[in-house]
Amino acid sequence: MEVLDQIREQVESHAILLYMKGSPEQPQCGFSAQASQVLMACGERFAYIDILSNPEIRANLPKFSDWPTFPQLFIRGELVGGCDIITEMYQSGELQPMVKEAAGDGEAAS
């Protein structure tokens, strides 16, 4: 249960949190690269967790979120989705206001 509690704390303590492979500066897969680029294009700071350097989080996050793949974006404690959903929401204009509003909460960290 410890790892699930750690994930819950991470999700709740960051207004915008991306679980990804690698970092925004050095993504380790194409989907993580695309998701982080979309978030950066929204113009707000966001937190990220590299699941490759956190194998327990990588193993348990799908149980926590009920989402099997990575990356995973959480905004205000709620799962938004993975790469395809994030990209579609950005292209339709839905993601930017969500990110800006969450960033305005003053909780987003890098």
Protein backbone atom coordinates (compact mmCIF):
# COMPACT_ATOMS: atom_id res chain seq x y z
CA MET A 1 0.00 0.00 0.00
CA GLU A 2 2.93 2.36 0.56
CA VAL A 3 3.52 2.95 -3.15
CA LEU A 4 -0.16 3.70 -3.82
CA ASP A 5 -0.10 6.21 -0.94
CA GLN A 6 3.02 7.80 -2.45
CA ILE A 7 1.32 8.08 -5.85
CA ARG A 8 -1.81 9.57 -4.26
CA GLU A 9 0.34 12.16 -2.46
CA GLN A 10 2.17 13.05 -5.69
CA VAL A 11 -1.07 13.45 -7.63
CA GLU A 12 -2.66 15.57 -4.90
CA SER A 13 0.36 17.80 -4.29
CA HIS A 14 0.85 18.91 -7.92
CA ALA A 15 -1.82 20.76 -9.88
CA ILE A 16 -0.36 19.44 -13.16
CA LEU A 17 1.57 16.15 -13.07
CA LEU A 18 2.81 14.03 -15.95
CA TYR A 19 4.03 10.49 -15.34
CA MET A 20 6.33 9.80 -18.25
CA LYS A 21 9.32 7.82 -19.48
CA GLY A 22 12.33 10.11 -19.04
CA SER A 23 12.04 13.87 -18.59
CA PRO A 24 10.60 16.67 -20.75
CA GLU A 25 14.18 17.56 -21.73
CA GLN A 26 15.15 13.93 -22.42
CA PRO A 27 12.05 11.82 -23.05
CA GLN A 28 12.68 8.10 -23.40
CA CYS A 29 9.78 7.28 -25.71
CA GLY A 30 7.89 9.01 -28.48
CA PHE A 31 4.60 9.13 -26.61
CA SER A 32 6.23 10.77 -23.57
CA ALA A 33 8.01 13.22 -25.88
CA GLN A 34 4.75 14.18 -27.58
CA ALA A 35 2.82 14.52 -24.30
CA SER A 36 5.47 16.72 -22.70
CA GLN A 37 5.74 18.88 -25.85
CA VAL A 38 1.97 19.41 -25.83
CA LEU A 39 2.09 20.43 -22.16
CA MET A 40 5.03 22.77 -22.78
CA ALA A 41 3.07 24.33 -25.66
CA CYS A 42 0.38 25.27 -23.12
CA GLY A 43 2.94 27.63 -21.61
CA GLU A 44 2.65 26.63 -17.94
CA ARG A 45 4.99 24.85 -15.58
CA PHE A 46 4.16 21.25 -14.74
CA ALA A 47 5.60 18.53 -12.56
CA TYR A 48 6.74 15.22 -13.98
CA ILE A 49 7.83 11.88 -12.60
CA ASP A 50 10.16 9.61 -14.55
CA ILE A 51 8.64 6.16 -14.20
CA LEU A 52 11.79 4.52 -15.59
CA SER A 53 13.77 5.63 -12.54
CA ASN A 54 10.83 4.73 -10.24
CA PRO A 55 10.02 1.07 -11.04
CA GLU A 56 7.58 0.68 -8.12
CA ILE A 57 5.57 3.66 -9.35
CA ARG A 58 5.71 2.29 -12.90
CA ALA A 59 4.36 -1.05 -11.68
CA ASN A 60 1.61 0.40 -9.48
CA LEU A 61 0.40 3.54 -11.29
CA PRO A 62 -1.86 1.55 -13.67
CA LYS A 63 -3.61 0.08 -10.60
CA PHE A 64 -4.02 3.54 -9.06
CA SER A 65 -5.32 5.24 -12.22
CA ASP A 66 -7.01 2.26 -13.89
CA TRP A 67 -5.09 3.29 -17.02
CA PRO A 68 -2.65 0.73 -18.50
CA THR A 69 -0.23 2.86 -20.52
CA PHE A 70 2.23 5.73 -20.13
CA PRO A 71 2.43 8.69 -20.16
CA GLN A 72 -0.40 9.66 -17.81
CA LEU A 73 -1.46 13.25 -17.18
CA PHE A 74 -3.18 14.30 -13.96
CA ILE A 75 -4.68 17.76 -13.54
CA ARG A 76 -6.01 18.72 -10.10
CA GLY A 77 -5.81 15.13 -8.94
CA GLU A 78 -7.84 13.73 -11.83
CA LEU A 79 -6.54 11.52 -14.61
CA VAL A 80 -6.89 13.35 -17.93
CA GLY A 81 -5.47 10.54 -20.04
CA GLY A 82 -2.54 9.42 -22.12
CA CYS A 83 -0.73 10.78 -25.14
CA ASP A 84 -3.58 10.47 -27.67
CA ILE A 85 -6.16 12.09 -25.39
CA ILE A 86 -3.78 14.89 -24.36
CA THR A 87 -2.95 15.60 -28.02
CA GLU A 88 -6.60 15.53 -29.12
CA MET A 89 -7.59 17.86 -26.27
CA TYR A 90 -4.78 20.25 -27.20
CA GLN A 91 -5.76 20.26 -30.88
CA SER A 92 -9.42 20.90 -30.02
CA GLY A 93 -8.49 23.70 -27.61
CA GLU A 94 -9.80 21.91 -24.50
CA LEU A 95 -6.45 21.31 -22.78
CA GLN A 96 -5.03 24.84 -22.70
CA PRO A 97 -7.72 26.36 -20.43
CA MET A 98 -7.54 23.36 -18.08
CA VAL A 99 -3.77 23.73 -17.78
CA LYS A 100 -3.89 27.51 -17.37
CA GLU A 101 -6.60 27.30 -14.70
CA ALA A 102 -4.75 24.57 -12.78
CA ALA A 103 -1.47 26.51 -13.03
CA GLY A 104 -3.26 29.51 -11.60
CA ASP A 105 -3.83 27.50 -8.43
CA GLY A 106 -0.15 28.10 -7.66
CA GLU A 107 0.50 24.43 -6.95
CA ALA A 108 2.31 23.39 -10.10
CA ALA A 109 5.97 22.61 -9.65
CA SER A 110 8.70 21.54 -11.99
